[in-house]
PDB file of N, CA and C in Angstrom:
ATOM      1  N   MET A   1      33.446 115.378  17.622  1.00  0.00           N
ATOM      2  CA  MET A   1      34.847 115.833  17.168  1.00  0.00           C
ATOM      3  C   MET A   1      34.978 116.952  16.137  1.00  0.00           C
ATOM      4  N   LEU A   2      34.077 116.705  15.139  1.00  0.00           N
ATOM      5  CA  LEU A   2      33.888 117.752  14.044  1.00  0.00           C
ATOM      6  C   LEU A   2      33.624 119.106  14.633  1.00  0.00           C
ATOM      7  N   LEU A   3      32.809 119.113  15.447  1.00  0.00           N
ATOM      8  CA  LEU A   3      32.398 120.371  16.126  1.00  0.00           C
ATOM      9  C   LEU A   3      33.496 121.022  16.876  1.00  0.00           C
ATOM     10  N   VAL A   4      34.281 120.355  17.530  1.00  0.00           N
ATOM     11  CA  VAL A   4      35.493 120.822  18.169  1.00  0.00           C
ATOM     12  C   VAL A   4      36.504 121.494  17.290  1.00  0.00           C
ATOM     13  N   ILE A   5      36.672 120.792  16.174  1.00  0.00           N
ATOM     14  CA  ILE A   5      37.651 121.197  15.183  1.00  0.00           C
ATOM     15  C   ILE A   5      37.023 122.562  14.484  1.00  0.00           C
ATOM     16  N   THR A   6      35.888 122.519  14.199  1.00  0.00           N
ATOM     17  CA  THR A   6      35.305 123.683  13.619  1.00  0.00           C
ATOM     18  C   THR A   6      35.251 124.942  14.589  1.00  0.00           C
ATOM     19  N   VAL A   7      35.049 124.718  15.813  1.00  0.00           N
ATOM     20  CA  VAL A   7      35.124 125.825  16.724  1.00  0.00           C
ATOM     21  C   VAL A   7      36.567 126.260  16.952  1.00  0.00           C
ATOM     22  N   ALA A   8      37.457 125.405  17.092  1.00  0.00           N
ATOM     23  CA  ALA A   8      38.904 125.716  17.208  1.00  0.00           C
ATOM     24  C   ALA A   8      39.349 126.535  16.017  1.00  0.00           C
ATOM     25  N   THR A   9      39.049 126.059  14.890  1.00  0.00           N
ATOM     26  CA  THR A   9      39.555 126.720  13.648  1.00  0.00           C
ATOM     27  C   THR A   9      38.841 128.177  13.557  1.00  0.00           C
ATOM     28  N   GLY A  10      37.576 128.343  13.906  1.00  0.00           N
ATOM     29  CA  GLY A  10      36.866 129.609  14.022  1.00  0.00           C
ATOM     30  C   GLY A  10      37.587 130.597  14.980  1.00  0.00           C
ATOM     31  N   CYS A  11      38.034 129.963  16.040  1.00  0.00           N
ATOM     32  CA  CYS A  11      38.665 130.912  17.116  1.00  0.00           C
ATOM     33  C   CYS A  11      40.073 131.320  16.596  1.00  0.00           C
ATOM     34  N   VAL A  12      40.863 130.348  15.897  1.00  0.00           N
ATOM     35  CA  VAL A  12      42.267 130.779  15.441  1.00  0.00           C
ATOM     36  C   VAL A  12      41.931 131.833  14.393  1.00  0.00           C
ATOM     37  N   TRP A  13      41.002 131.549  13.392  1.00  0.00           N
ATOM     38  CA  TRP A  13      40.674 132.637  12.395  1.00  0.00           C
ATOM     39  C   TRP A  13      40.469 133.922  12.980  1.00  0.00           C
ATOM     40  N   PHE A  14      39.567 133.974  13.970  1.00  0.00           N
ATOM     41  CA  PHE A  14      39.143 135.205  14.533  1.00  0.00           C
ATOM     42  C   PHE A  14      40.428 136.058  15.197  1.00  0.00           C
ATOM     43  N   VAL A  15      41.218 135.162  15.916  1.00  0.00           N
ATOM     44  CA  VAL A  15      42.471 135.897  16.531  1.00  0.00           C
ATOM     45  C   VAL A  15      43.385 136.449  15.471  1.00  0.00           C
ATOM     46  N   VAL A  16      43.636 135.562  14.464  1.00  0.00           N
ATOM     47  CA  VAL A  16      44.585 136.118  13.396  1.00  0.00           C
ATOM     48  C   VAL A  16      43.920 137.220  12.568  1.00  0.00           C
ATOM     49  N   SER A  17      42.743 137.268  12.247  1.00  0.00           N
ATOM     50  CA  SER A  17      42.072 138.237  11.494  1.00  0.00           C
ATOM     51  C   SER A  17      42.000 139.659  12.373  1.00  0.00           C
ATOM     52  N   SER A  18      41.694 139.441  13.532  1.00  0.00           N
ATOM     53  CA  SER A  18      41.683 140.682  14.523  1.00  0.00           C
ATOM     54  C   SER A  18      43.051 141.376  14.589  1.00  0.00           C
ATOM     55  N   ALA A  19      44.113 140.560  14.738  1.00  0.00           N
ATOM     56  CA  ALA A  19      45.421 140.966  14.824  1.00  0.00           C
ATOM     57  C   ALA A  19      45.962 141.667  13.596  1.00  0.00           C
ATOM     58  N   SER A  20      45.573 141.119  12.428  1.00  0.00           N
ATOM     59  CA  SER A  20      45.968 141.594  11.225  1.00  0.00           C
ATOM     60  C   SER A  20      45.248 143.004  10.869  1.00  0.00           C
ATOM     61  N   HIS A  21      44.291 143.488  11.564  1.00  0.00           N
ATOM     62  CA  HIS A  21      43.614 144.656  11.320  1.00  0.00           C
ATOM     63  C   HIS A  21      43.800 145.713  12.468  1.00  0.00           C
ATOM     64  N   LYS A  22      44.995 145.612  13.066  1.00  0.00           N
ATOM     65  CA  LYS A  22      45.366 146.519  14.080  1.00  0.00           C
ATOM     66  C   LYS A  22      46.752 147.152  13.631  1.00  0.00           C
ATOM     67  N   LEU A  23      46.704 148.541  13.799  1.00  0.00           N
ATOM     68  CA  LEU A  23      47.696 149.301  13.595  1.00  0.00           C
ATOM     69  C   LEU A  23      48.269 150.001  14.914  1.00  0.00           C
ATOM     70  N   ILE A  24      49.360 149.778  15.198  1.00  0.00           N
ATOM     71  CA  ILE A  24      50.007 150.426  16.491  1.00  0.00           C
ATOM     72  C   ILE A  24      50.596 151.627  16.070  1.00  0.00           C
ATOM     73  N   VAL A  25      50.269 152.661  16.810  1.00  0.00           N
ATOM     74  CA  VAL A  25      50.852 154.046  16.508  1.00  0.00           C
ATOM     75  C   VAL A  25      51.282 154.603  17.918  1.00  0.00           C
ATOM     76  N   ARG A  26      52.377 155.376  17.924  1.00  0.00           N
ATOM     77  CA  ARG A  26      52.863 156.065  19.059  1.00  0.00           C
ATOM     78  C   ARG A  26      52.780 157.582  19.052  1.00  0.00           C
ATOM     79  N   THR A  27      52.699 158.233  20.111  1.00  0.00           N
ATOM     80  CA  THR A  27      52.905 159.721  20.178  1.00  0.00           C
ATOM     81  C   THR A  27      53.374 160.011  21.486  1.00  0.00           C
ATOM     82  N   TYR A  28      53.855 161.287  21.674  1.00  0.00           N
ATOM     83  CA  TYR A  28      54.584 161.645  22.817  1.00  0.00           C
ATOM     84  C   TYR A  28      53.889 163.055  23.263  1.00  0.00           C
ATOM     85  N   PHE A  29      53.620 163.164  24.615  1.00  0.00           N
ATOM     86  CA  PHE A  29      53.124 164.423  25.055  1.00  0.00           C
ATOM     87  C   PHE A  29      53.995 164.926  26.209  1.00  0.00           C
ATOM     88  N   GLN A  30      53.828 166.259  26.504  1.00  0.00           N
ATOM     89  CA  GLN A  30      54.450 166.767  27.644  1.00  0.00           C
ATOM     90  C   GLN A  30      53.692 166.692  28.901  1.00  0.00           C
ATOM     91  N   HIS A  31      52.386 166.584  28.790  1.00  0.00           N
ATOM     92  CA  HIS A  31      51.448 166.206  29.926  1.00  0.00           C
ATOM     93  C   HIS A  31      50.309 165.488  29.339  1.00  0.00           C
ATOM     94  N   ALA A  32      49.807 164.441  30.247  1.00  0.00           N
ATOM     95  CA  ALA A  32      48.660 163.594  29.646  1.00  0.00           C
ATOM     96  C   ALA A  32      47.858 163.347  30.901  1.00  0.00           C
ATOM     97  N   GLN A  33      47.417 164.347  31.561  1.00  0.00           N
ATOM     98  CA  GLN A  33      46.631 164.243  32.758  1.00  0.00           C
ATOM     99  C   GLN A  33      45.280 163.643  32.439  1.00  0.00           C
ATOM    100  N   GLY A  34      45.030 162.514  33.220  1.00  0.00           N
ATOM    101  CA  GLY A  34      43.718 161.777  33.052  1.00  0.00           C
ATOM    102  C   GLY A  34      43.661 160.653  31.919  1.00  0.00           C
ATOM    103  N   LEU A  35      44.810 160.545  31.018  1.00  0.00           N
ATOM    104  CA  LEU A  35      44.864 159.631  30.103  1.00  0.00           C
ATOM    105  C   LEU A  35      45.198 158.208  30.675  1.00  0.00           C
ATOM    106  N   ILE A  36      44.437 157.279  30.300  1.00  0.00           N
ATOM    107  CA  ILE A  36      44.533 155.854  31.037  1.00  0.00           C
ATOM    108  C   ILE A  36      44.597 154.880  30.001  1.00  0.00           C
ATOM    109  N   PRO A  37      45.200 153.701  30.215  1.00  0.00           N
ATOM    110  CA  PRO A  37      45.081 152.595  29.098  1.00  0.00           C
ATOM    111  C   PRO A  37      43.575 152.284  29.072  1.00  0.00           C
ATOM    112  N   GLY A  38      43.220 151.994  27.727  1.00  0.00           N
ATOM    113  CA  GLY A  38      41.702 151.778  27.545  1.00  0.00           C
ATOM    114  C   GLY A  38      40.994 152.947  27.072  1.00  0.00           C
ATOM    115  N   ALA A  39      41.525 154.329  27.323  1.00  0.00           N
ATOM    116  CA  ALA A  39      40.894 155.377  26.795  1.00  0.00           C
ATOM    117  C   ALA A  39      40.768 155.360  25.304  1.00  0.00           C
ATOM    118  N   ARG A  40      39.803 156.045  24.793  1.00  0.00           N
ATOM    119  CA  ARG A  40      39.417 155.996  23.339  1.00  0.00           C
ATOM    120  C   ARG A  40      40.480 156.864  22.490  1.00  0.00           C
ATOM    121  N   VAL A  41      40.402 156.375  21.290  1.00  0.00           N
ATOM    122  CA  VAL A  41      41.296 157.177  20.252  1.00  0.00           C
ATOM    123  C   VAL A  41      40.228 157.355  19.056  1.00  0.00           C
ATOM    124  N   ARG A  42      40.175 158.543  18.717  1.00  0.00           N
ATOM    125  CA  ARG A  42      39.420 158.952  17.612  1.00  0.00           C
ATOM    126  C   ARG A  42      40.254 159.468  16.448  1.00  0.00           C
ATOM    127  N   VAL A  43      39.666 159.350  15.251  1.00  0.00           N
ATOM    128  CA  VAL A  43      40.351 159.903  14.033  1.00  0.00           C
ATOM    129  C   VAL A  43      39.272 160.759  13.399  1.00  0.00           C
ATOM    130  N   ASP A  44      39.501 162.044  13.408  1.00  0.00           N
ATOM    131  CA  ASP A  44      38.447 163.064  12.954  1.00  0.00           C
ATOM    132  C   ASP A  44      37.207 162.802  13.490  1.00  0.00           C
ATOM    133  N   GLY A  45      37.116 162.511  14.777  1.00  0.00           N
ATOM    134  CA  GLY A  45      35.746 162.494  15.492  1.00  0.00           C
ATOM    135  C   GLY A  45      35.283 161.022  15.583  1.00  0.00           C
ATOM    136  N   VAL A  46      35.711 160.068  14.784  1.00  0.00           N
ATOM    137  CA  VAL A  46      35.221 158.748  14.700  1.00  0.00           C
ATOM    138  C   VAL A  46      36.091 157.703  15.677  1.00  0.00           C
ATOM    139  N   GLU A  47      35.481 157.158  16.461  1.00  0.00           N
ATOM    140  CA  GLU A  47      36.225 156.195  17.346  1.00  0.00           C
ATOM    141  C   GLU A  47      36.772 155.075  16.562  1.00  0.00           C
ATOM    142  N   VAL A  48      38.055 154.903  16.692  1.00  0.00           N
ATOM    143  CA  VAL A  48      38.796 153.778  15.794  1.00  0.00           C
ATOM    144  C   VAL A  48      39.638 152.893  16.690  1.00  0.00           C
ATOM    145  N   GLY A  49      39.898 153.150  17.956  1.00  0.00           N
ATOM    146  CA  GLY A  49      40.838 152.379  18.713  1.00  0.00           C
ATOM    147  C   GLY A  49      40.937 152.826  20.186  1.00  0.00           C
ATOM    148  N   PHE A  50      42.017 152.415  20.924  1.00  0.00           N
ATOM    149  CA  PHE A  50      41.989 152.753  22.217  1.00  0.00           C
ATOM    150  C   PHE A  50      43.634 152.840  22.582  1.00  0.00           C
ATOM    151  N   VAL A  51      43.766 153.394  23.751  1.00  0.00           N
ATOM    152  CA  VAL A  51      45.190 153.542  24.259  1.00  0.00           C
ATOM    153  C   VAL A  51      45.550 152.253  24.908  1.00  0.00           C
ATOM    154  N   GLN A  52      46.685 151.674  24.271  1.00  0.00           N
ATOM    155  CA  GLN A  52      47.111 150.352  24.999  1.00  0.00           C
ATOM    156  C   GLN A  52      48.112 150.654  26.188  1.00  0.00           C
ATOM    157  N   GLU A  53      48.875 151.621  26.116  1.00  0.00           N
ATOM    158  CA  GLU A  53      49.732 151.943  27.206  1.00  0.00           C
ATOM    159  C   GLU A  53      50.120 153.459  27.178  1.00  0.00           C
ATOM    160  N   ALA A  54      50.251 153.968  28.482  1.00  0.00           N
ATOM    161  CA  ALA A  54      50.672 155.442  28.628  1.00  0.00           C
ATOM    162  C   ALA A  54      51.759 155.193  29.756  1.00  0.00           C
ATOM    163  N   SER A  55      52.996 155.723  29.377  1.00  0.00           N
ATOM    164  CA  SER A  55      54.121 155.486  30.448  1.00  0.00           C
ATOM    165  C   SER A  55      55.058 156.830  30.236  1.00  0.00           C
ATOM    166  N   VAL A  56      56.002 156.944  31.133  1.00  0.00           N
ATOM    167  CA  VAL A  56      56.966 157.992  31.144  1.00  0.00           C
ATOM    168  C   VAL A  56      58.315 157.526  30.483  1.00  0.00           C
ATOM    169  N   ASP A  57      58.799 158.196  29.584  1.00  0.00           N
ATOM    170  CA  ASP A  57      60.097 158.044  29.018  1.00  0.00           C
ATOM    171  C   ASP A  57      61.006 159.140  29.432  1.00  0.00           C
ATOM    172  N   THR A  58      61.750 158.994  30.483  1.00  0.00           N
ATOM    173  CA  THR A  58      62.641 160.162  30.936  1.00  0.00           C
ATOM    174  C   THR A  58      63.696 160.493  29.957  1.00  0.00           C
ATOM    175  N   ALA A  59      64.031 159.697  29.026  1.00  0.00           N
ATOM    176  CA  ALA A  59      64.964 160.105  28.026  1.00  0.00           C
ATOM    177  C   ALA A  59      64.412 161.298  27.065  1.00  0.00           C
ATOM    178  N   ARG A  60      63.082 161.358  27.052  1.00  0.00           N
ATOM    179  CA  ARG A  60      62.501 162.337  26.072  1.00  0.00           C
ATOM    180  C   ARG A  60      62.098 163.475  27.002  1.00  0.00           C
ATOM    181  N   ARG A  61      63.041 164.386  27.187  1.00  0.00           N
ATOM    182  CA  ARG A  61      62.750 165.474  28.249  1.00  0.00           C
ATOM    183  C   ARG A  61      61.614 166.497  27.916  1.00  0.00           C
ATOM    184  N   SER A  62      61.437 166.860  26.658  1.00  0.00           N
ATOM    185  CA  SER A  62      60.372 167.855  26.337  1.00  0.00           C
ATOM    186  C   SER A  62      58.922 167.234  26.286  1.00  0.00           C
ATOM    187  N   ARG A  63      58.863 166.055  25.835  1.00  0.00           N
ATOM    188  CA  ARG A  63      57.575 165.241  25.909  1.00  0.00           C
ATOM    189  C   ARG A  63      57.848 163.761  26.381  1.00  0.00           C
ATOM    190  N   PRO A  64      57.824 163.563  27.625  1.00  0.00           N
ATOM    191  CA  PRO A  64      58.183 162.392  28.317  1.00  0.00           C
ATOM    192  C   PRO A  64      56.954 161.369  28.273  1.00  0.00           C
ATOM    193  N   VAL A  65      55.772 161.832  28.192  1.00  0.00           N
ATOM    194  CA  VAL A  65      54.693 160.859  28.288  1.00  0.00           C
ATOM    195  C   VAL A  65      54.579 160.005  26.934  1.00  0.00           C
ATOM    196  N   ALA A  66      54.881 158.737  26.919  1.00  0.00           N
ATOM    197  CA  ALA A  66      54.802 157.837  25.753  1.00  0.00           C
ATOM    198  C   ALA A  66      53.529 157.213  25.694  1.00  0.00           C
ATOM    199  N   VAL A  67      52.779 157.469  24.588  1.00  0.00           N
ATOM    200  CA  VAL A  67      51.361 156.825  24.423  1.00  0.00           C
ATOM    201  C   VAL A  67      51.501 155.828  23.248  1.00  0.00           C
ATOM    202  N   VAL A  68      50.944 154.641  23.536  1.00  0.00           N
ATOM    203  CA  VAL A  68      50.922 153.682  22.504  1.00  0.00           C
ATOM    204  C   VAL A  68      49.363 153.465  22.238  1.00  0.00           C
ATOM    205  N   MET A  69      49.095 153.530  20.840  1.00  0.00           N
ATOM    206  CA  MET A  69      47.609 153.362  20.524  1.00  0.00           C
ATOM    207  C   MET A  69      47.430 152.129  19.683  1.00  0.00           C
ATOM    208  N   ALA A  70      46.290 151.460  19.765  1.00  0.00           N
ATOM    209  CA  ALA A  70      45.916 150.446  18.873  1.00  0.00           C
ATOM    210  C   ALA A  70      44.748 150.881  18.042  1.00  0.00           C
ATOM    211  N   LEU A  71      44.902 150.951  16.834  1.00  0.00           N
ATOM    212  CA  LEU A  71      43.797 151.455  15.889  1.00  0.00           C
ATOM    213  C   LEU A  71      43.222 150.263  14.969  1.00  0.00           C
ATOM    214  N   ASN A  72      42.044 150.176  14.835  1.00  0.00           N
ATOM    215  CA  ASN A  72      41.391 149.162  14.018  1.00  0.00           C
ATOM    216  C   ASN A  72      41.334 149.622  12.657  1.00  0.00           C
ATOM    217  N   THR A  73      41.989 148.849  11.782  1.00  0.00           N
ATOM    218  CA  THR A  73      42.135 149.119  10.404  1.00  0.00           C
ATOM    219  C   THR A  73      41.221 148.313   9.434  1.00  0.00           C
ATOM    220  N   SER A  74      40.345 147.499  10.120  1.00  0.00           N
ATOM    221  CA  SER A  74      39.485 146.652   9.292  1.00  0.00           C
ATOM    222  C   SER A  74      38.657 147.310   8.257  1.00  0.00           C
ATOM    223  N   ASN A  75      38.205 148.486   8.536  1.00  0.00           N
ATOM    224  CA  ASN A  75      37.365 149.317   7.557  1.00  0.00           C
ATOM    225  C   ASN A  75      38.297 150.165   6.542  1.00  0.00           C
ATOM    226  N   GLY A  76      39.584 149.848   6.375  1.00  0.00           N
ATOM    227  CA  GLY A  76      40.389 150.456   5.368  1.00  0.00           C
ATOM    228  C   GLY A  76      41.042 151.731   5.932  1.00  0.00           C
ATOM    229  N   LEU A  77      40.880 151.983   7.288  1.00  0.00           N
ATOM    230  CA  LEU A  77      41.536 153.184   7.887  1.00  0.00           C
ATOM    231  C   LEU A  77      42.915 153.324   7.449  1.00  0.00           C
ATOM    232  N   SER A  78      43.295 154.561   7.001  1.00  0.00           N
ATOM    233  CA  SER A  78      44.673 154.840   6.742  1.00  0.00           C
ATOM    234  C   SER A  78      44.898 156.246   7.264  1.00  0.00           C
ATOM    235  N   VAL A  79      45.981 156.404   8.137  1.00  0.00           N
ATOM    236  CA  VAL A  79      46.320 157.581   8.954  1.00  0.00           C
ATOM    237  C   VAL A  79      47.538 158.187   8.237  1.00  0.00           C
ATOM    238  N   PRO A  80      47.644 159.406   7.668  1.00  0.00           N
ATOM    239  CA  PRO A  80      48.658 159.905   7.154  1.00  0.00           C
ATOM    240  C   PRO A  80      49.755 160.125   8.077  1.00  0.00           C
ATOM    241  N   SER A  81      51.088 159.879   7.638  1.00  0.00           N
ATOM    242  CA  SER A  81      52.092 160.092   8.657  1.00  0.00           C
ATOM    243  C   SER A  81      52.401 161.581   9.286  1.00  0.00           C
ATOM    244  N   ASP A  82      51.603 162.599   8.519  1.00  0.00           N
ATOM    245  CA  ASP A  82      51.923 163.877   8.995  1.00  0.00           C
ATOM    246  C   ASP A  82      50.504 164.364   9.791  1.00  0.00           C
ATOM    247  N   ALA A  83      49.628 163.395  10.192  1.00  0.00           N
ATOM    248  CA  ALA A  83      48.494 163.626  10.999  1.00  0.00           C
ATOM    249  C   ALA A  83      49.049 164.031  12.407  1.00  0.00           C
ATOM    250  N   THR A  84      48.252 164.793  13.148  1.00  0.00           N
ATOM    251  CA  THR A  84      48.752 165.069  14.607  1.00  0.00           C
ATOM    252  C   THR A  84      47.751 164.496  15.571  1.00  0.00           C
ATOM    253  N   ALA A  85      48.407 164.235  16.736  1.00  0.00           N
ATOM    254  CA  ALA A  85      47.481 163.701  17.890  1.00  0.00           C
ATOM    255  C   ALA A  85      47.431 164.749  18.874  1.00  0.00           C
ATOM    256  N   SER A  86      46.368 164.724  19.650  1.00  0.00           N
ATOM    257  CA  SER A  86      46.040 165.756  20.664  1.00  0.00           C
ATOM    258  C   SER A  86      45.190 165.158  21.842  1.00  0.00           C
ATOM    259  N   LEU A  87      45.486 165.578  23.036  1.00  0.00           N
ATOM    260  CA  LEU A  87      44.751 165.163  24.163  1.00  0.00           C
ATOM    261  C   LEU A  87      43.433 165.887  24.321  1.00  0.00           C
ATOM    262  N   GLN A  88      42.380 165.308  24.348  1.00  0.00           N
ATOM    263  CA  GLN A  88      41.069 165.902  24.510  1.00  0.00           C
ATOM    264  C   GLN A  88      40.246 165.347  25.701  1.00  0.00           C
ATOM    265  N   SER A  89      39.152 166.040  26.082  1.00  0.00           N
ATOM    266  CA  SER A  89      38.255 165.414  27.126  1.00  0.00           C
ATOM    267  C   SER A  89      36.800 165.765  26.746  1.00  0.00           C
ATOM    268  N   GLU A  90      36.039 164.711  27.239  1.00  0.00           N
ATOM    269  CA  GLU A  90      34.530 164.848  27.031  1.00  0.00           C
ATOM    270  C   GLU A  90      34.031 165.936  28.092  1.00  0.00           C
ATOM    271  N   GLY A  91      33.869 167.111  27.641  1.00  0.00           N
ATOM    272  CA  GLY A  91      33.374 168.284  28.421  1.00  0.00           C
ATOM    273  C   GLY A  91      34.335 168.621  29.493  1.00  0.00           C
ATOM    274  N   ALA A  92      33.894 169.247  30.477  1.00  0.00           N
ATOM    275  CA  ALA A  92      34.782 169.770  31.482  1.00  0.00           C
ATOM    276  C   ALA A  92      35.309 168.720  32.429  1.00  0.00           C
ATOM    277  N   ILE A  93      34.493 167.648  32.732  1.00  0.00           N
ATOM    278  CA  ILE A  93      35.003 166.656  33.665  1.00  0.00           C
ATOM    279  C   ILE A  93      34.927 165.263  33.066  1.00  0.00           C
ATOM    280  N   GLY A  94      34.710 165.225  31.833  1.00  0.00           N
ATOM    281  CA  GLY A  94      34.688 163.904  31.151  1.00  0.00           C
ATOM    282  C   GLY A  94      35.947 163.256  31.050  1.00  0.00           C
ATOM    283  N   PRO A  95      36.081 161.915  30.495  1.00  0.00           N
ATOM    284  CA  PRO A  95      37.209 161.183  30.409  1.00  0.00           C
ATOM    285  C   PRO A  95      38.150 161.779  29.292  1.00  0.00           C
ATOM    286  N   ALA A  96      39.465 161.545  29.510  1.00  0.00           N
ATOM    287  CA  ALA A  96      40.473 161.905  28.410  1.00  0.00           C
ATOM    288  C   ALA A  96      40.441 160.985  27.233  1.00  0.00           C
ATOM    289  N   PHE A  97      40.738 161.323  26.062  1.00  0.00           N
ATOM    290  CA  PHE A  97      40.942 160.562  25.013  1.00  0.00           C
ATOM    291  C   PHE A  97      41.772 161.273  23.922  1.00  0.00           C
ATOM    292  N   ILE A  98      42.286 160.535  22.910  1.00  0.00           N
ATOM    293  CA  ILE A  98      43.234 161.000  22.038  1.00  0.00           C
ATOM    294  C   ILE A  98      42.423 161.287  20.619  1.00  0.00           C
ATOM    295  N   GLU A  99      42.556 162.442  20.152  1.00  0.00           N
ATOM    296  CA  GLU A  99      41.953 162.780  18.790  1.00  0.00           C
ATOM    297  C   GLU A  99      42.960 162.986  17.767  1.00  0.00           C
ATOM    298  N   ILE A 100      43.014 162.135  16.719  1.00  0.00           N
ATOM    299  CA  ILE A 100      44.073 162.212  15.624  1.00  0.00           C
ATOM    300  C   ILE A 100      43.280 163.080  14.505  1.00  0.00           C
ATOM    301  N   ASP A 101      44.034 164.134  14.158  1.00  0.00           N
ATOM    302  CA  ASP A 101      43.480 165.102  13.047  1.00  0.00           C
ATOM    303  C   ASP A 101      44.216 164.666  11.733  1.00  0.00           C
ATOM    304  N   THR A 102      43.514 164.238  10.847  1.00  0.00           N
ATOM    305  CA  THR A 102      44.042 164.004   9.429  1.00  0.00           C
ATOM    306  C   THR A 102      43.614 165.086   8.497  1.00  0.00           C
ATOM    307  N   ARG A 103      42.866 165.978   8.740  1.00  0.00           N
ATOM    308  CA  ARG A 103      42.363 166.962   7.914  1.00  0.00           C
ATOM    309  C   ARG A 103      43.495 167.730   7.160  1.00  0.00           C
ATOM    310  N   ASN A 104      43.508 167.872   5.917  1.00  0.00           N
ATOM    311  CA  ASN A 104      44.496 168.637   5.245  1.00  0.00           C
ATOM    312  C   ASN A 104      45.777 168.138   5.271  1.00  0.00           C
ATOM    313  N   LYS A 105      45.986 166.802   5.558  1.00  0.00           N
ATOM    314  CA  LYS A 105      47.193 166.123   5.722  1.00  0.00           C
ATOM    315  C   LYS A 105      47.490 165.308   4.397  1.00  0.00           C
ATOM    316  N   THR A 106      48.710 165.260   3.930  1.00  0.00           N
ATOM    317  CA  THR A 106      48.914 164.598   2.631  1.00  0.00           C
ATOM    318  C   THR A 106      50.186 163.641   2.691  1.00  0.00           C
ATOM    319  N   GLY A 107      50.557 163.312   3.928  1.00  0.00           N
ATOM    320  CA  GLY A 107      51.772 162.274   3.992  1.00  0.00           C
ATOM    321  C   GLY A 107      51.224 160.846   3.596  1.00  0.00           C
ATOM    322  N   ALA A 108      52.219 160.076   3.313  1.00  0.00           N
ATOM    323  CA  ALA A 108      51.950 158.786   3.230  1.00  0.00           C
ATOM    324  C   ALA A 108      51.517 158.033   4.301  1.00  0.00           C
ATOM    325  N   SER A 109      50.744 156.942   4.243  1.00  0.00           N
ATOM    326  CA  SER A 109      50.189 156.251   5.388  1.00  0.00           C
ATOM    327  C   SER A 109      51.283 155.963   6.467  1.00  0.00           C
ATOM    328  N   ILE A 110      50.936 156.108   7.652  1.00  0.00           N
ATOM    329  CA  ILE A 110      51.880 155.745   8.751  1.00  0.00           C
ATOM    330  C   ILE A 110      51.892 154.264   8.765  1.00  0.00           C
ATOM    331  N   SER A 111      53.251 153.862   9.147  1.00  0.00           N
ATOM    332  CA  SER A 111      53.444 152.410   9.264  1.00  0.00           C
ATOM    333  C   SER A 111      53.155 151.981  10.611  1.00  0.00           C
ATOM    334  N   ASN A 112      53.112 150.598  10.884  1.00  0.00           N
ATOM    335  CA  ASN A 112      52.919 150.016  12.059  1.00  0.00           C
ATOM    336  C   ASN A 112      54.219 150.407  12.960  1.00  0.00           C
ATOM    337  N   ASN A 113      53.822 150.777  14.223  1.00  0.00           N
ATOM    338  CA  ASN A 113      54.736 151.288  15.170  1.00  0.00           C
ATOM    339  C   ASN A 113      55.270 152.757  14.762  1.00  0.00           C
ATOM    340  N   GLY A 114      54.596 153.362  13.891  1.00  0.00           N
ATOM    341  CA  GLY A 114      55.008 154.861  13.553  1.00  0.00           C
ATOM    342  C   GLY A 114      54.773 155.831  14.557  1.00  0.00           C
ATOM    343  N   VAL A 115      55.292 156.966  14.635  1.00  0.00           N
ATOM    344  CA  VAL A 115      55.107 157.909  15.634  1.00  0.00           C
ATOM    345  C   VAL A 115      54.459 159.128  14.953  1.00  0.00           C
ATOM    346  N   LEU A 116      53.377 159.532  15.531  1.00  0.00           N
ATOM    347  CA  LEU A 116      52.670 160.828  15.182  1.00  0.00           C
ATOM    348  C   LEU A 116      53.250 161.916  16.143  1.00  0.00           C
ATOM    349  N   GLU A 117      53.248 163.065  15.246  1.00  0.00           N
ATOM    350  CA  GLU A 117      53.449 164.362  16.018  1.00  0.00           C
ATOM    351  C   GLU A 117      52.408 164.601  16.937  1.00  0.00           C
ATOM    352  N   SER A 118      52.574 165.227  18.131  1.00  0.00           N
ATOM    353  CA  SER A 118      51.579 165.514  19.108  1.00  0.00           C
ATOM    354  C   SER A 118      51.366 167.149  19.105  1.00  0.00           C
ATOM    355  N   THR A 119      50.202 167.733  19.302  1.00  0.00           N
ATOM    356  CA  THR A 119      49.970 169.026  19.691  1.00  0.00           C
ATOM    357  C   THR A 119      49.255 169.149  20.910  1.00  0.00           C
ATOM    358  N   GLU A 120      49.712 170.310  21.646  1.00  0.00           N
ATOM    359  CA  GLU A 120      49.383 170.527  23.027  1.00  0.00           C
ATOM    360  C   GLU A 120      48.744 171.919  23.094  1.00  0.00           C
ATOM    361  N   PRO A 121      47.811 172.285  23.889  1.00  0.00           N
ATOM    362  CA  PRO A 121      47.347 173.580  23.979  1.00  0.00           C
ATOM    363  C   PRO A 121      48.460 174.513  24.712  1.00  0.00           C
ATOM    364  N   ASP A 122      48.483 175.795  24.242  1.00  0.00           N
ATOM    365  CA  ASP A 122      49.372 176.736  24.754  1.00  0.00           C
ATOM    366  C   ASP A 122      48.898 177.117  26.221  1.00  0.00           C
ATOM    367  N   LYS A 123      49.925 177.169  27.097  1.00  0.00           N
ATOM    368  CA  LYS A 123      49.645 177.471  28.421  1.00  0.00           C
ATOM    369  C   LYS A 123      49.808 178.948  28.751  1.00  0.00           C
TER     370      LYS A 123
END
């Protein structure tokens, strides 16, 4: 019985601590070809999370692709609110991922469910 209680307590602690170290951040793109849920999210080249959801928000005409990202903040990660998100790919045919650029940014840390500005290549 003691073993069951110990295991149950450990599972509850793991779920609570994992959830408390997750930052949900959103961004919007004009196009997001190849981006799928589960795609990697990097901050300045370091993988820190994944795309939770990618959907179309028709109310946002100029940037209708809504992307929700989950970032792991257990290592003290702080993303400035003026950081920018861009869609990248691994080589010519590799999978799509999101790159968040925090270099030379000075904004306060983005809050949970905050929105990052996106940048897209000129066509």
